[in-house]
Amino acid sequence: MVRLNLLLLLAVLASAIYLVHTQYLSRQLFTELYRVQSETRRLELEHDRLEVEKRAQATPLRVERLAKEQLKMRTTTPAITQYVRADGTVIPAVAAPTPAPVTGTAAQRSGAPATRGPTP
């Protein structure tokens, strides 16, 4: 009988030690989970802040201003455009069409009567 009581006492002690160890691990895991969730929230907030900052930095006016000021770039015009073939030869840019010669005065084109200077 004494052996059975001793065996049961050892089983209860082992069970108690195992329960304490399991609770300790559970608390450690819960603490780690809370820390990771806090880190996740912090990273999400930082991501949102960086997205807003990126959108503010990429506005067309800011990009154009930086291109002009820092990179000394300018807007393209047909006069400065050059096309290059695959073999390296330059194709002349298409020249803008020249306006047709104007005949008559602006007053005649608008339908207003033409005025003459003093007659002798």
C-alpha atoms as a PDB file:
ATOM      1  CA  MET A   1       0.000   0.000   0.000  1.00  0.00           C
ATOM      2  CA  VAL A   2       2.841   2.330   0.800  1.00  0.00           C
ATOM      3  CA  ARG A   3       4.281   1.733  -2.638  1.00  0.00           C
ATOM      4  CA  LEU A   4       1.009   2.638  -4.291  1.00  0.00           C
ATOM      5  CA  ASN A   5       0.727   5.817  -2.236  1.00  0.00           C
ATOM      6  CA  LEU A   6       4.304   6.737  -3.080  1.00  0.00           C
ATOM      7  CA  LEU A   7       3.692   6.052  -6.754  1.00  0.00           C
ATOM      8  CA  LEU A   8       0.527   8.169  -6.736  1.00  0.00           C
ATOM      9  CA  LEU A   9       2.369  10.983  -4.921  1.00  0.00           C
ATOM     10  CA  LEU A  10       5.102  10.966  -7.590  1.00  0.00           C
ATOM     11  CA  ALA A  11       2.455  10.995 -10.341  1.00  0.00           C
ATOM     12  CA  VAL A  12       0.701  13.979  -8.747  1.00  0.00           C
ATOM     13  CA  LEU A  13       4.009  15.849  -8.342  1.00  0.00           C
ATOM     14  CA  ALA A  14       5.034  15.118 -11.940  1.00  0.00           C
ATOM     15  CA  SER A  15       1.621  16.230 -13.158  1.00  0.00           C
ATOM     16  CA  ALA A  16       1.862  19.453 -11.132  1.00  0.00           C
ATOM     17  CA  ILE A  17       5.352  20.200 -12.439  1.00  0.00           C
ATOM     18  CA  TYR A  18       4.181  19.521 -15.999  1.00  0.00           C
ATOM     19  CA  LEU A  19       1.166  21.831 -15.475  1.00  0.00           C
ATOM     20  CA  VAL A  20       3.399  24.652 -14.173  1.00  0.00           C
ATOM     21  CA  HIS A  21       5.770  24.197 -17.094  1.00  0.00           C
ATOM     22  CA  THR A  22       2.859  24.253 -19.593  1.00  0.00           C
ATOM     23  CA  GLN A  23       1.428  27.427 -18.049  1.00  0.00           C
ATOM     24  CA  TYR A  24       4.865  29.063 -18.189  1.00  0.00           C
ATOM     25  CA  LEU A  25       5.210  28.224 -21.902  1.00  0.00           C
ATOM     26  CA  SER A  26       1.668  29.440 -22.521  1.00  0.00           C
ATOM     27  CA  ARG A  27       2.459  32.797 -20.901  1.00  0.00           C
ATOM     28  CA  GLN A  28       5.660  33.083 -22.909  1.00  0.00           C
ATOM     29  CA  LEU A  29       3.773  32.418 -26.144  1.00  0.00           C
ATOM     30  CA  PHE A  30       1.036  34.890 -25.214  1.00  0.00           C
ATOM     31  CA  THR A  31       3.654  37.557 -24.446  1.00  0.00           C
ATOM     32  CA  GLU A  32       5.359  36.860 -27.776  1.00  0.00           C
ATOM     33  CA  LEU A  33       2.014  37.049 -29.595  1.00  0.00           C
ATOM     34  CA  TYR A  34       1.229  40.415 -27.981  1.00  0.00           C
ATOM     35  CA  ARG A  35       4.695  41.728 -28.901  1.00  0.00           C
ATOM     36  CA  VAL A  36       4.333  40.580 -32.505  1.00  0.00           C
ATOM     37  CA  GLN A  37       0.852  42.125 -32.781  1.00  0.00           C
ATOM     38  CA  SER A  38       2.214  45.429 -31.462  1.00  0.00           C
ATOM     39  CA  GLU A  39       5.055  45.283 -33.965  1.00  0.00           C
ATOM     40  CA  THR A  40       2.547  44.537 -36.748  1.00  0.00           C
ATOM     41  CA  ARG A  41       0.467  47.581 -35.825  1.00  0.00           C
ATOM     42  CA  ARG A  42       3.597  49.743 -35.727  1.00  0.00           C
ATOM     43  CA  LEU A  43       4.732  48.502 -39.146  1.00  0.00           C
ATOM     44  CA  GLU A  44       1.259  49.038 -40.645  1.00  0.00           C
ATOM     45  CA  LEU A  45       1.219  52.614 -39.365  1.00  0.00           C
ATOM     46  CA  GLU A  46       4.694  53.222 -40.749  1.00  0.00           C
ATOM     47  CA  HIS A  47       3.658  51.704 -44.091  1.00  0.00           C
ATOM     48  CA  ASP A  48       0.625  53.991 -44.281  1.00  0.00           C
ATOM     49  CA  ARG A  49       2.771  57.002 -43.413  1.00  0.00           C
ATOM     50  CA  LEU A  50       5.318  56.086 -46.076  1.00  0.00           C
ATOM     51  CA  GLU A  51       2.566  55.603 -48.680  1.00  0.00           C
ATOM     52  CA  VAL A  52       1.246  59.090 -47.949  1.00  0.00           C
ATOM     53  CA  GLU A  53       4.776  60.493 -48.134  1.00  0.00           C
ATOM     54  CA  LYS A  54       5.406  58.684 -51.426  1.00  0.00           C
ATOM     55  CA  ARG A  55       2.220  60.119 -52.938  1.00  0.00           C
ATOM     56  CA  ALA A  56       3.245  63.594 -51.767  1.00  0.00           C
ATOM     57  CA  GLN A  57       6.713  63.202 -53.294  1.00  0.00           C
ATOM     58  CA  ALA A  58       5.423  61.957 -56.647  1.00  0.00           C
ATOM     59  CA  THR A  59       3.120  64.840 -57.538  1.00  0.00           C
ATOM     60  CA  PRO A  60       3.541  65.877 -61.181  1.00  0.00           C
ATOM     61  CA  LEU A  61       4.394  69.480 -60.295  1.00  0.00           C
ATOM     62  CA  ARG A  62       7.132  68.409 -57.876  1.00  0.00           C
ATOM     63  CA  VAL A  63       8.616  65.946 -60.366  1.00  0.00           C
ATOM     64  CA  GLU A  64       8.612  68.583 -63.105  1.00  0.00           C
ATOM     65  CA  ARG A  65      10.191  71.176 -60.811  1.00  0.00           C
ATOM     66  CA  LEU A  66      12.941  68.752 -59.738  1.00  0.00           C
ATOM     67  CA  ALA A  67      13.587  67.772 -63.350  1.00  0.00           C
ATOM     68  CA  LYS A  68      14.004  71.410 -64.340  1.00  0.00           C
ATOM     69  CA  GLU A  69      16.026  72.550 -61.329  1.00  0.00           C
ATOM     70  CA  GLN A  70      18.236  69.599 -60.411  1.00  0.00           C
ATOM     71  CA  LEU A  71      18.521  67.711 -63.692  1.00  0.00           C
ATOM     72  CA  LYS A  72      18.401  70.796 -65.954  1.00  0.00           C
ATOM     73  CA  MET A  73      15.782  69.121 -68.152  1.00  0.00           C
ATOM     74  CA  ARG A  74      13.399  70.974 -70.420  1.00  0.00           C
ATOM     75  CA  THR A  75      10.177  70.257 -72.221  1.00  0.00           C
ATOM     76  CA  THR A  76      10.582  68.682 -75.639  1.00  0.00           C
ATOM     77  CA  THR A  77       9.675  70.494 -78.804  1.00  0.00           C
ATOM     78  CA  PRO A  78       9.760  69.261 -82.393  1.00  0.00           C
ATOM     79  CA  ALA A  79      12.697  71.577 -83.022  1.00  0.00           C
ATOM     80  CA  ILE A  80      14.963  69.722 -80.579  1.00  0.00           C
ATOM     81  CA  THR A  81      13.655  66.182 -81.132  1.00  0.00           C
ATOM     82  CA  GLN A  82      15.935  63.727 -82.899  1.00  0.00           C
ATOM     83  CA  TYR A  83      14.990  60.205 -83.903  1.00  0.00           C
ATOM     84  CA  VAL A  84      17.684  57.548 -84.057  1.00  0.00           C
ATOM     85  CA  ARG A  85      17.444  54.356 -86.071  1.00  0.00           C
ATOM     86  CA  ALA A  86      18.687  51.011 -84.779  1.00  0.00           C
ATOM     87  CA  ASP A  87      21.849  51.351 -86.877  1.00  0.00           C
ATOM     88  CA  GLY A  88      22.660  54.680 -85.198  1.00  0.00           C
ATOM     89  CA  THR A  89      21.740  57.087 -87.998  1.00  0.00           C
ATOM     90  CA  VAL A  90      19.766  60.157 -87.066  1.00  0.00           C
ATOM     91  CA  ILE A  91      16.422  60.830 -88.737  1.00  0.00           C
ATOM     92  CA  PRO A  92      15.643  64.541 -89.036  1.00  0.00           C
ATOM     93  CA  ALA A  93      12.656  65.662 -87.017  1.00  0.00           C
ATOM     94  CA  VAL A  94       9.503  66.500 -88.887  1.00  0.00           C
ATOM     95  CA  ALA A  95       9.363  70.249 -89.291  1.00  0.00           C
ATOM     96  CA  ALA A  96       6.199  72.028 -88.241  1.00  0.00           C
ATOM     97  CA  PRO A  97       4.078  73.089 -91.232  1.00  0.00           C
ATOM     98  CA  THR A  98       4.647  76.690 -92.227  1.00  0.00           C
ATOM     99  CA  PRO A  99       1.564  78.897 -92.187  1.00  0.00           C
ATOM    100  CA  ALA A 100       0.069  79.833 -95.550  1.00  0.00           C
ATOM    101  CA  PRO A 101       0.899  83.338 -96.767  1.00  0.00           C
ATOM    102  CA  VAL A 102      -1.696  85.848 -95.699  1.00  0.00           C
ATOM    103  CA  THR A 103      -3.195  88.093 -98.348  1.00  0.00           C
ATOM    104  CA  GLY A 104      -4.963  91.258 -97.420  1.00  0.00           C
ATOM    105  CA  THR A 105      -5.189  92.952 -94.084  1.00  0.00           C
ATOM    106  CA  ALA A 106      -6.708  91.737 -90.894  1.00  0.00           C
ATOM    107  CA  ALA A 107      -9.619  94.122 -91.355  1.00  0.00           C
ATOM    108  CA  GLN A 108     -10.465  92.581 -94.723  1.00  0.00           C
ATOM    109  CA  ARG A 109     -10.375  89.043 -93.323  1.00  0.00           C
ATOM    110  CA  SER A 110     -12.681  89.966 -90.477  1.00  0.00           C
ATOM    111  CA  GLY A 111     -15.251  91.489 -92.799  1.00  0.00           C
ATOM    112  CA  ALA A 112     -14.781  95.064 -91.569  1.00  0.00           C
ATOM    113  CA  PRO A 113     -14.667  97.748 -94.240  1.00  0.00           C
ATOM    114  CA  ALA A 114     -11.187  98.744 -95.231  1.00  0.00           C
ATOM    115  CA  THR A 115     -10.266 102.320 -94.520  1.00  0.00           C
ATOM    116  CA  ARG A 116      -8.160 104.320 -96.834  1.00  0.00           C
ATOM    117  CA  GLY A 117      -5.847 107.065 -96.081  1.00  0.00           C
ATOM    118  CA  PRO A 118      -6.595 110.668 -97.068  1.00  0.00           C
ATOM    119  CA  THR A 119      -7.301 111.185-100.732  1.00  0.00           C
ATOM    120  CA  PRO A 120      -5.604 114.086-102.577  1.00  0.00           C
END
